[in-house]
N, C-alpha and C. Protein backbone atom coordinates (compact mmCIF):
# COMPACT_ATOMS: atom_id res chain seq x y z
N MET A 1 -3.08 -11.91 24.04
CA MET A 1 -3.56 -11.95 22.15
C MET A 1 -1.96 -12.17 21.53
N THR A 2 -1.97 -13.09 21.11
CA THR A 2 -0.85 -13.29 20.12
C THR A 2 -0.80 -12.96 18.42
N VAL A 3 0.25 -12.27 18.41
CA VAL A 3 -0.07 -11.69 16.97
C VAL A 3 0.86 -11.85 16.24
N ALA A 4 0.99 -13.11 15.07
CA ALA A 4 1.58 -13.07 13.94
C ALA A 4 1.73 -12.32 12.68
N ILE A 5 3.14 -12.07 11.97
CA ILE A 5 3.00 -11.10 10.74
C ILE A 5 3.56 -11.88 10.35
N ARG A 6 3.55 -11.95 9.05
CA ARG A 6 3.78 -13.14 7.94
C ARG A 6 3.18 -12.68 6.61
N GLN A 7 3.83 -13.49 5.55
CA GLN A 7 4.27 -12.62 4.09
C GLN A 7 2.80 -13.13 3.82
N ALA A 8 2.10 -12.38 2.79
CA ALA A 8 1.04 -13.09 1.71
C ALA A 8 1.12 -13.89 1.03
N THR A 9 0.95 -14.89 0.63
CA THR A 9 0.91 -16.32 -0.18
C THR A 9 -0.49 -15.81 -1.33
N ILE A 10 -0.22 -16.12 -2.17
CA ILE A 10 -1.51 -16.56 -3.43
C ILE A 10 -3.10 -16.83 -2.63
N GLU A 11 -2.50 -18.20 -1.62
CA GLU A 11 -3.96 -18.40 -1.12
C GLU A 11 -4.25 -17.30 0.08
N ASP A 12 -4.15 -16.03 -0.35
CA ASP A 12 -4.70 -14.97 0.63
C ASP A 12 -5.14 -13.87 -0.35
N VAL A 13 -5.15 -13.75 -1.63
CA VAL A 13 -5.88 -12.89 -2.35
C VAL A 13 -7.24 -12.28 -1.95
N ALA A 14 -8.24 -13.22 -1.41
CA ALA A 14 -9.39 -12.63 -1.46
C ALA A 14 -9.45 -12.40 -0.15
N LEU A 15 -8.48 -12.74 1.08
CA LEU A 15 -8.34 -11.85 2.22
C LEU A 15 -7.65 -10.05 1.46
N LEU A 16 -6.99 -10.19 1.36
CA LEU A 16 -6.61 -8.86 0.95
C LEU A 16 -7.03 -8.11 -0.08
N HIS A 17 -7.66 -8.52 -0.94
CA HIS A 17 -9.19 -8.50 -1.88
C HIS A 17 -10.28 -7.69 -0.51
N GLU A 18 -10.30 -8.58 0.34
CA GLU A 18 -11.50 -8.29 1.34
C GLU A 18 -11.09 -6.94 1.80
N ALA A 19 -9.29 -6.95 2.32
CA ALA A 19 -9.31 -5.90 3.29
C ALA A 19 -9.43 -4.53 2.05
N ILE A 20 -8.85 -4.61 1.32
CA ILE A 20 -9.37 -3.46 0.26
C ILE A 20 -10.22 -2.70 -0.19
N VAL A 21 -11.30 -3.67 0.09
CA VAL A 21 -13.06 -3.26 -0.48
C VAL A 21 -13.46 -2.06 1.21
N LYS A 22 -12.61 -3.07 2.26
CA LYS A 22 -13.32 -2.68 3.99
C LYS A 22 -12.45 -1.09 4.12
N LEU A 23 -11.50 -1.08 3.58
CA LEU A 23 -10.63 0.50 3.36
C LEU A 23 -11.07 0.93 2.48
N ALA A 24 -11.90 0.62 1.81
CA ALA A 24 -12.42 2.16 0.70
C ALA A 24 -13.62 2.36 1.67
N GLN A 25 -14.84 0.87 1.61
CA GLN A 25 -15.68 1.66 2.34
C GLN A 25 -15.91 2.49 3.74
N HIS A 26 -14.11 2.09 4.40
CA HIS A 26 -14.36 3.36 6.01
C HIS A 26 -13.55 4.58 5.16
N MET A 27 -13.27 5.02 3.68
CA MET A 27 -12.82 5.88 3.78
C MET A 27 -14.21 6.54 3.44
N GLY A 28 -14.95 6.24 2.55
CA GLY A 28 -16.21 6.65 1.34
C GLY A 28 -15.77 6.40 0.47
N ALA A 29 -15.24 5.41 0.02
CA ALA A 29 -14.34 5.90 -1.51
C ALA A 29 -14.68 4.23 -1.83
N LEU A 30 -15.69 3.76 -1.74
CA LEU A 30 -15.92 2.54 -1.83
C LEU A 30 -16.20 2.08 -3.88
N GLU A 31 -16.75 3.17 -4.26
CA GLU A 31 -17.25 3.27 -5.75
C GLU A 31 -14.97 3.32 -6.53
N ARG A 32 -14.24 3.70 -5.83
CA ARG A 32 -13.07 4.35 -6.53
C ARG A 32 -12.13 3.03 -6.72
N VAL A 33 -13.16 1.29 -6.04
CA VAL A 33 -11.98 0.35 -5.61
C VAL A 33 -12.38 -0.43 -7.21
N ARG A 34 -11.41 -0.86 -8.16
CA ARG A 34 -11.74 -1.35 -9.54
C ARG A 34 -10.86 -2.92 -9.35
N SER A 35 -10.86 -3.03 -8.75
CA SER A 35 -9.17 -4.19 -8.54
C SER A 35 -10.66 -5.14 -8.43
N THR A 36 -9.74 -6.49 -9.07
CA THR A 36 -10.69 -7.98 -8.34
C THR A 36 -9.31 -8.64 -7.74
N PRO A 37 -10.16 -9.81 -7.38
CA PRO A 37 -9.10 -10.89 -7.00
C PRO A 37 -7.97 -11.35 -7.93
N ASP A 38 -8.86 -11.29 -8.92
CA ASP A 38 -7.92 -12.16 -10.09
C ASP A 38 -6.65 -10.72 -10.50
N ASP A 39 -7.03 -9.43 -10.42
CA ASP A 39 -5.76 -8.67 -10.72
C ASP A 39 -4.63 -9.02 -9.51
N LEU A 40 -5.10 -9.13 -8.01
CA LEU A 40 -4.03 -8.89 -7.19
C LEU A 40 -3.60 -10.51 -7.47
N ARG A 41 -3.70 -11.13 -7.91
CA ARG A 41 -3.34 -12.67 -7.92
C ARG A 41 -2.59 -12.72 -9.34
N ARG A 42 -3.24 -12.15 -9.77
CA ARG A 42 -2.04 -11.98 -11.75
C ARG A 42 -0.66 -10.87 -11.24
N HIS A 43 -0.72 -9.84 -10.46
CA HIS A 43 0.03 -8.49 -10.27
C HIS A 43 0.81 -9.23 -9.32
N GLY A 44 0.75 -9.68 -8.33
CA GLY A 44 1.52 -9.78 -7.08
C GLY A 44 1.77 -11.06 -6.88
N PHE A 45 1.26 -12.01 -7.32
CA PHE A 45 1.97 -13.86 -7.61
C PHE A 45 2.26 -14.41 -8.27
N GLY A 46 2.19 -13.51 -9.37
CA GLY A 46 2.98 -14.00 -10.92
C GLY A 46 3.94 -13.76 -11.33
N TYR A 47 4.54 -13.77 -12.43
CA TYR A 47 5.50 -13.35 -12.76
C TYR A 47 6.19 -12.16 -12.66
N ARG A 48 7.33 -11.84 -11.79
CA ARG A 48 7.10 -10.14 -11.72
C ARG A 48 6.59 -9.40 -11.11
N PRO A 49 5.96 -9.80 -9.55
CA PRO A 49 5.21 -9.71 -8.94
C PRO A 49 5.34 -8.06 -8.85
N ALA A 50 4.70 -7.42 -9.37
CA ALA A 50 4.28 -5.72 -8.90
C ALA A 50 3.64 -5.19 -7.39
N PHE A 51 3.79 -6.54 -6.36
CA PHE A 51 3.86 -5.60 -4.74
C PHE A 51 4.21 -6.78 -4.63
N GLU A 52 4.72 -7.02 -2.94
CA GLU A 52 3.81 -7.49 -1.60
C GLU A 52 3.20 -7.25 -0.80
N ALA A 53 3.13 -8.36 0.03
CA ALA A 53 2.22 -7.68 1.26
C ALA A 53 2.41 -9.05 2.83
N LEU A 54 2.77 -7.94 3.39
CA LEU A 54 2.07 -8.90 4.76
C LEU A 54 0.99 -9.10 5.18
N ILE A 55 0.37 -9.94 5.83
CA ILE A 55 -0.93 -9.95 6.86
C ILE A 55 -0.20 -10.06 8.60
N ALA A 56 -0.65 -9.48 8.96
CA ALA A 56 -1.23 -9.29 10.82
C ALA A 56 -2.68 -10.67 11.06
N GLU A 57 -2.30 -11.67 11.86
CA GLU A 57 -3.20 -12.16 12.31
C GLU A 57 -3.50 -12.03 14.36
N VAL A 58 -4.31 -11.87 14.84
CA VAL A 58 -4.51 -12.37 16.29
C VAL A 58 -4.70 -13.49 16.27
N ASP A 59 -4.28 -13.99 17.17
CA ASP A 59 -4.62 -15.67 17.57
C ASP A 59 -5.36 -16.21 16.53
N GLY A 60 -4.70 -16.62 15.11
CA GLY A 60 -4.78 -16.98 14.08
C GLY A 60 -6.16 -16.23 12.83
N VAL A 61 -6.47 -15.08 13.44
CA VAL A 61 -7.84 -14.44 12.65
C VAL A 61 -7.01 -13.41 11.58
N PHE A 62 -7.44 -12.85 10.89
CA PHE A 62 -6.95 -12.13 10.03
C PHE A 62 -7.48 -10.60 10.99
N ALA A 63 -6.22 -9.63 11.18
CA ALA A 63 -6.50 -8.91 11.74
C ALA A 63 -5.72 -7.17 10.66
N GLY A 64 -5.13 -7.80 9.35
CA GLY A 64 -4.84 -6.76 9.04
C GLY A 64 -4.06 -6.86 7.99
N MET A 65 -3.64 -5.99 7.06
CA MET A 65 -2.68 -6.08 5.92
C MET A 65 -2.19 -4.79 5.71
N CYS A 66 -0.49 -5.45 5.08
CA CYS A 66 -0.16 -3.90 4.02
C CYS A 66 0.92 -4.50 2.45
N LEU A 67 0.35 -3.61 1.94
CA LEU A 67 0.51 -3.63 0.77
C LEU A 67 1.65 -2.93 0.14
N TYR A 68 2.65 -3.63 0.13
CA TYR A 68 3.94 -2.17 -0.33
C TYR A 68 4.45 -3.16 -1.66
N PHE A 69 5.32 -2.50 -1.91
CA PHE A 69 5.90 -2.46 -3.39
C PHE A 69 7.33 -1.30 -2.95
N PRO A 70 8.85 -2.00 -3.95
CA PRO A 70 9.80 -1.24 -3.63
C PRO A 70 9.88 -0.06 -4.96
N SER A 71 10.54 1.39 -4.29
CA SER A 71 10.34 2.57 -5.19
C SER A 71 12.15 2.74 -5.19
N PHE A 72 12.87 3.26 -5.39
CA PHE A 72 13.88 3.94 -5.74
C PHE A 72 13.95 5.70 -6.01
N SER A 73 15.03 6.25 -5.39
CA SER A 73 14.86 8.02 -5.16
C SER A 73 15.96 7.94 -5.56
N THR A 74 16.34 8.82 -6.83
CA THR A 74 17.22 9.85 -7.66
C THR A 74 18.12 10.41 -6.58
N TRP A 75 17.51 10.97 -6.03
CA TRP A 75 17.94 12.20 -5.37
C TRP A 75 18.88 11.50 -4.10
N ARG A 76 17.97 10.74 -3.24
CA ARG A 76 18.45 9.66 -2.36
C ARG A 76 19.79 8.66 -3.23
N GLY A 77 19.43 8.62 -3.61
CA GLY A 77 20.36 7.67 -4.04
C GLY A 77 20.39 5.79 -3.59
N LYS A 78 18.76 5.88 -3.27
CA LYS A 78 18.77 4.21 -2.53
C LYS A 78 17.35 4.20 -2.70
N PRO A 79 17.21 2.70 -2.60
CA PRO A 79 15.58 1.65 -2.74
C PRO A 79 15.08 2.15 -1.38
N GLY A 80 13.80 2.34 -2.09
CA GLY A 80 12.94 2.72 -0.58
C GLY A 80 11.69 1.44 -0.82
N ILE A 81 10.59 1.82 -0.38
CA ILE A 81 9.55 0.82 -0.11
C ILE A 81 8.50 2.03 -0.04
N TYR A 82 7.22 1.79 -0.41
CA TYR A 82 6.29 2.13 -1.28
C TYR A 82 4.60 1.43 -0.08
N VAL A 83 4.39 2.07 0.45
CA VAL A 83 2.86 1.35 1.04
C VAL A 83 2.38 1.97 -0.08
N GLN A 84 1.56 1.03 -0.31
CA GLN A 84 0.35 1.42 -1.08
C GLN A 84 -1.03 1.70 -0.45
N ASP A 85 -1.14 0.57 0.55
CA ASP A 85 -2.45 0.69 1.68
C ASP A 85 -2.21 -0.38 2.69
N ILE A 86 -2.24 0.09 3.83
CA ILE A 86 -2.28 -0.67 4.82
C ILE A 86 -3.55 -0.72 5.77
N PHE A 87 -4.28 -1.60 6.29
CA PHE A 87 -5.49 -1.81 6.58
C PHE A 87 -5.71 -2.18 8.03
N VAL A 88 -6.37 -2.14 8.82
CA VAL A 88 -6.55 -3.10 10.38
C VAL A 88 -7.94 -2.71 10.80
N GLU A 89 -8.29 -4.23 10.75
CA GLU A 89 -10.09 -4.67 10.96
C GLU A 89 -10.43 -3.31 12.18
N ALA A 90 -11.42 -3.34 11.89
CA ALA A 90 -12.11 -2.12 13.10
C ALA A 90 -11.77 -2.66 14.17
N LYS A 91 -12.33 -4.33 14.54
CA LYS A 91 -11.83 -4.85 16.01
C LYS A 91 -10.72 -5.18 16.77
N PHE A 92 -9.37 -4.83 16.05
CA PHE A 92 -7.98 -4.70 15.88
C PHE A 92 -7.50 -3.10 16.45
N ARG A 93 -8.39 -2.41 15.79
CA ARG A 93 -7.87 -1.15 16.13
C ARG A 93 -7.42 -0.39 17.40
N GLY A 94 -5.90 0.06 17.36
CA GLY A 94 -6.07 0.29 19.03
C GLY A 94 -5.35 -0.81 20.00
N SER A 95 -4.71 -2.27 18.78
CA SER A 95 -4.22 -2.76 19.67
C SER A 95 -2.47 -2.96 18.79
N LYS A 96 -2.19 -1.30 18.27
CA LYS A 96 -0.43 -1.56 17.83
C LYS A 96 -0.71 -2.44 16.60
N ILE A 97 -1.63 -3.22 15.81
CA ILE A 97 -1.17 -3.80 14.40
C ILE A 97 -0.89 -3.49 13.61
N GLY A 98 -1.04 -1.98 13.43
CA GLY A 98 -1.30 -0.89 12.12
C GLY A 98 0.32 -1.10 12.10
N GLU A 99 1.24 -0.67 13.72
CA GLU A 99 2.78 -0.50 13.84
C GLU A 99 3.18 -1.34 13.77
N ARG A 100 2.77 -2.85 14.15
CA ARG A 100 3.83 -3.63 13.88
C ARG A 100 3.58 -4.20 12.55
N LEU A 101 2.67 -3.95 11.27
CA LEU A 101 2.75 -3.69 10.08
C LEU A 101 3.49 -2.97 10.00
N LEU A 102 3.98 -1.86 9.45
CA LEU A 102 4.52 -0.93 9.87
C LEU A 102 6.14 -1.60 9.96
N GLN A 103 6.23 -1.92 11.18
CA GLN A 103 7.53 -2.38 11.44
C GLN A 103 7.88 -3.29 10.77
N ALA A 104 7.36 -4.40 10.28
CA ALA A 104 7.66 -5.67 9.64
C ALA A 104 7.97 -5.36 8.00
N THR A 105 6.88 -4.72 7.37
CA THR A 105 7.44 -3.59 6.09
C THR A 105 8.98 -3.37 6.36
N ALA A 106 9.03 -1.99 7.22
CA ALA A 106 10.49 -1.28 7.01
C ALA A 106 11.79 -2.29 7.45
N GLN A 107 11.03 -3.69 7.81
CA GLN A 107 12.81 -4.71 8.50
C GLN A 107 13.11 -5.27 7.23
N ARG A 108 11.78 -5.59 6.39
CA ARG A 108 11.87 -5.95 5.38
C ARG A 108 12.32 -5.27 4.32
N GLY A 109 12.03 -3.86 4.22
CA GLY A 109 13.09 -2.74 3.11
C GLY A 109 14.37 -2.83 3.80
N VAL A 110 14.61 -2.91 5.02
CA VAL A 110 16.07 -2.43 5.66
C VAL A 110 16.65 -4.12 4.97
N ALA A 111 16.25 -5.31 4.84
CA ALA A 111 17.07 -6.47 4.70
C ALA A 111 17.43 -6.08 3.21
N THR A 112 16.63 -5.88 2.43
CA THR A 112 16.57 -5.73 1.10
C THR A 112 17.93 -4.35 0.55
N GLY A 113 18.38 -2.93 1.65
CA GLY A 113 19.06 -2.46 1.11
C GLY A 113 18.31 -0.92 1.27
N ALA A 114 16.66 -0.97 1.66
CA ALA A 114 16.20 0.09 1.02
C ALA A 114 16.21 0.75 2.33
N GLY A 115 16.44 2.66 2.05
CA GLY A 115 16.85 3.21 2.73
C GLY A 115 15.52 4.77 3.34
N TYR A 116 14.27 4.23 3.09
CA TYR A 116 13.41 4.92 3.65
C TYR A 116 11.87 4.33 3.52
N LEU A 117 11.00 4.80 3.61
CA LEU A 117 9.42 4.40 3.32
C LEU A 117 8.70 4.95 3.09
N ARG A 118 7.62 5.29 2.13
CA ARG A 118 6.88 6.68 1.51
C ARG A 118 5.26 5.78 1.82
N LEU A 119 4.56 6.88 1.69
CA LEU A 119 3.17 6.20 1.30
C LEU A 119 2.84 7.96 1.22
N SER A 120 0.93 7.62 0.43
CA SER A 120 0.83 9.25 1.14
C SER A 120 -0.95 9.04 1.74
N VAL A 121 -1.53 9.84 1.53
CA VAL A 121 -2.84 9.73 2.38
C VAL A 121 -3.50 10.70 2.09
N GLU A 122 -5.07 10.12 1.91
CA GLU A 122 -5.99 11.27 1.58
C GLU A 122 -5.91 11.88 2.72
N THR A 123 -6.54 13.45 1.69
CA THR A 123 -6.84 14.77 2.16
C THR A 123 -7.26 15.24 3.79
N ASP A 124 -8.07 14.14 3.66
CA ASP A 124 -9.43 14.35 4.57
C ASP A 124 -9.35 13.05 5.96
N ASN A 125 -8.28 12.96 5.08
CA ASN A 125 -8.37 11.46 6.67
C ASN A 125 -7.14 11.64 7.87
N HIS A 126 -7.67 12.41 8.78
CA HIS A 126 -7.17 13.04 9.67
C HIS A 126 -6.32 12.43 10.70
N GLY A 127 -7.22 10.53 11.07
CA GLY A 127 -6.53 9.73 11.83
C GLY A 127 -5.98 9.17 11.19
N ALA A 128 -5.47 8.53 9.71
CA ALA A 128 -4.14 8.29 9.63
C ALA A 128 -3.47 8.99 9.76
N GLN A 129 -3.12 10.22 9.39
CA GLN A 129 -2.14 11.45 9.48
C GLN A 129 -1.10 11.18 10.43
N GLY A 130 -2.55 11.53 11.56
CA GLY A 130 -1.97 11.36 13.26
C GLY A 130 -1.29 10.01 13.84
N PHE A 131 -1.43 8.95 12.77
CA PHE A 131 -1.49 7.86 13.42
C PHE A 131 0.17 8.12 12.55
N TYR A 132 0.71 8.10 11.31
CA TYR A 132 1.48 8.06 10.94
C TYR A 132 2.84 8.87 11.65
N SER A 133 1.89 10.42 11.69
CA SER A 133 2.99 11.44 12.26
C SER A 133 3.02 10.64 13.76
N HIS A 134 2.48 10.15 14.78
CA HIS A 134 3.15 9.65 15.54
C HIS A 134 4.13 8.71 15.64
N LEU A 135 3.82 7.93 14.12
CA LEU A 135 5.44 6.92 14.13
C LEU A 135 6.57 7.72 13.39
N GLY A 136 6.49 8.84 13.62
CA GLY A 136 7.18 9.56 12.77
C GLY A 136 7.47 9.65 11.51
N ILE A 137 6.95 9.25 10.55
CA ILE A 137 6.11 9.19 9.22
C ILE A 137 5.61 10.65 8.68
N GLU A 138 6.34 11.37 8.51
CA GLU A 138 6.06 12.86 8.01
C GLU A 138 5.45 13.22 7.14
N TRP A 139 4.34 14.56 6.51
CA TRP A 139 4.34 15.03 5.65
C TRP A 139 5.02 15.47 4.77
N SER A 140 5.44 15.92 3.94
CA SER A 140 5.76 16.18 2.90
C SER A 140 5.14 17.45 2.28
N ARG A 141 5.84 18.73 2.52
CA ARG A 141 5.67 20.09 1.86
C ARG A 141 5.60 19.98 0.62
N SER A 142 6.95 19.67 0.46
CA SER A 142 7.59 20.17 -0.86
C SER A 142 6.90 19.46 -1.89
N GLU A 143 6.52 18.21 -1.79
CA GLU A 143 5.71 17.33 -3.05
C GLU A 143 4.53 17.79 -3.30
N ARG A 144 3.86 17.39 -4.08
CA ARG A 144 2.55 16.77 -4.64
C ARG A 144 2.29 15.79 -5.64
N ILE A 145 1.47 15.11 -5.30
CA ILE A 145 1.18 13.75 -6.31
C ILE A 145 0.91 14.38 -7.22
N HIS A 146 0.68 13.57 -8.40
CA HIS A 146 0.60 13.43 -9.89
C HIS A 146 0.19 12.49 -10.37
N GLY A 147 -1.16 12.16 -11.02
CA GLY A 147 -1.11 11.10 -11.76
C GLY A 147 -2.35 11.03 -12.90
N ILE A 148 -1.91 10.19 -13.94
CA ILE A 148 -2.81 10.13 -15.19
C ILE A 148 -3.50 8.67 -15.29
N TYR A 149 -4.43 8.58 -15.58
CA TYR A 149 -5.18 7.34 -15.95
C TYR A 149 -6.42 7.28 -16.84
N GLY A 150 -6.35 5.55 -16.57
CA GLY A 150 -7.84 4.95 -18.16
C GLY A 150 -7.14 5.85 -19.10
N GLU A 151 -8.23 6.44 -19.67
CA GLU A 151 -8.20 6.93 -21.07
C GLU A 151 -7.03 7.36 -21.00
N ALA A 152 -6.46 8.42 -20.58
CA ALA A 152 -5.88 10.01 -20.58
C ALA A 152 -4.24 9.19 -20.52
N PHE A 153 -3.87 8.30 -19.74
CA PHE A 153 -2.64 7.29 -19.47
C PHE A 153 -2.11 6.69 -20.89
N THR A 154 -3.92 6.30 -21.72
CA THR A 154 -3.49 5.23 -22.46
C THR A 154 -3.11 6.47 -23.72
N ALA A 155 -3.90 7.11 -23.59
CA ALA A 155 -3.84 8.73 -25.31
C ALA A 155 -2.35 9.13 -24.69
N LEU A 156 -1.81 9.20 -23.65
CA LEU A 156 -0.56 9.80 -23.21
C LEU A 156 0.86 8.97 -24.00
N ALA A 157 0.39 7.30 -23.72
CA ALA A 157 1.49 6.47 -24.89
C ALA A 157 1.30 5.99 -26.06
N GLU A 158 0.29 6.40 -26.14
CA GLU A 158 -0.28 6.54 -27.81
C GLU A 158 0.43 7.87 -28.78
N TRP A 159 0.51 9.12 -27.79
CA TRP A 159 1.01 10.35 -28.65
C TRP A 159 2.19 9.77 -29.44
N THR A 160 2.39 10.79 -30.45
CA THR A 160 2.96 11.28 -30.44
C THR A 160 3.41 12.61 -31.29
N ILE A 161 4.96 13.36 -31.86
CA ILE A 161 4.82 14.55 -31.78
C ILE A 161 4.43 15.41 -33.58
N GLU A 162 3.88 13.64 -34.11
CA GLU A 162 3.52 14.15 -35.60
C GLU A 162 1.80 14.57 -35.11
N GLN A 163 1.31 13.88 -33.99
CA GLN A 163 -0.27 14.27 -33.85
C GLN A 163 -0.12 15.71 -33.34
N GLU A 164 0.49 16.88 -32.99
CA GLU A 164 0.74 17.66 -32.95
C GLU A 164 0.21 18.88 -34.12
N ARG A 165 1.09 18.24 -34.76
CA ARG A 165 0.89 19.33 -36.80
C ARG A 165 0.17 19.31 -37.13
């Protein structure tokens, strides 16, 4: 079994999106996926890409992917990497593909001056939590993720103090 990890290219957009859909199906959250291959193409491979991705192949066959982007910690005073999604095809789970993808992501981060890697995990995804913990990626008891999306996000962007009067 020959495993190769490579940087995703624009030609991999369909593979990346398919992996995102499979991840959502695995999590029972398919209805939450709103992205399209065109979204990935536009935001990942155009002007000022918002993310990068690595692809794992076993004997030339797609085995998994890790989609990540740079971040910065004002408290640490260092750049880092945020892993948005990691997915391994079911038939390759248990073959250390996920570990290899995270290691390669960390290596790319170190090469660009990153000092940490962060990710979030669904609260009921105990398998992933155990996997990350095994690798030394620990749950942060001091933080909780907050978000604002869609119309609420747009309303926040358009809000003015005058609207309070």
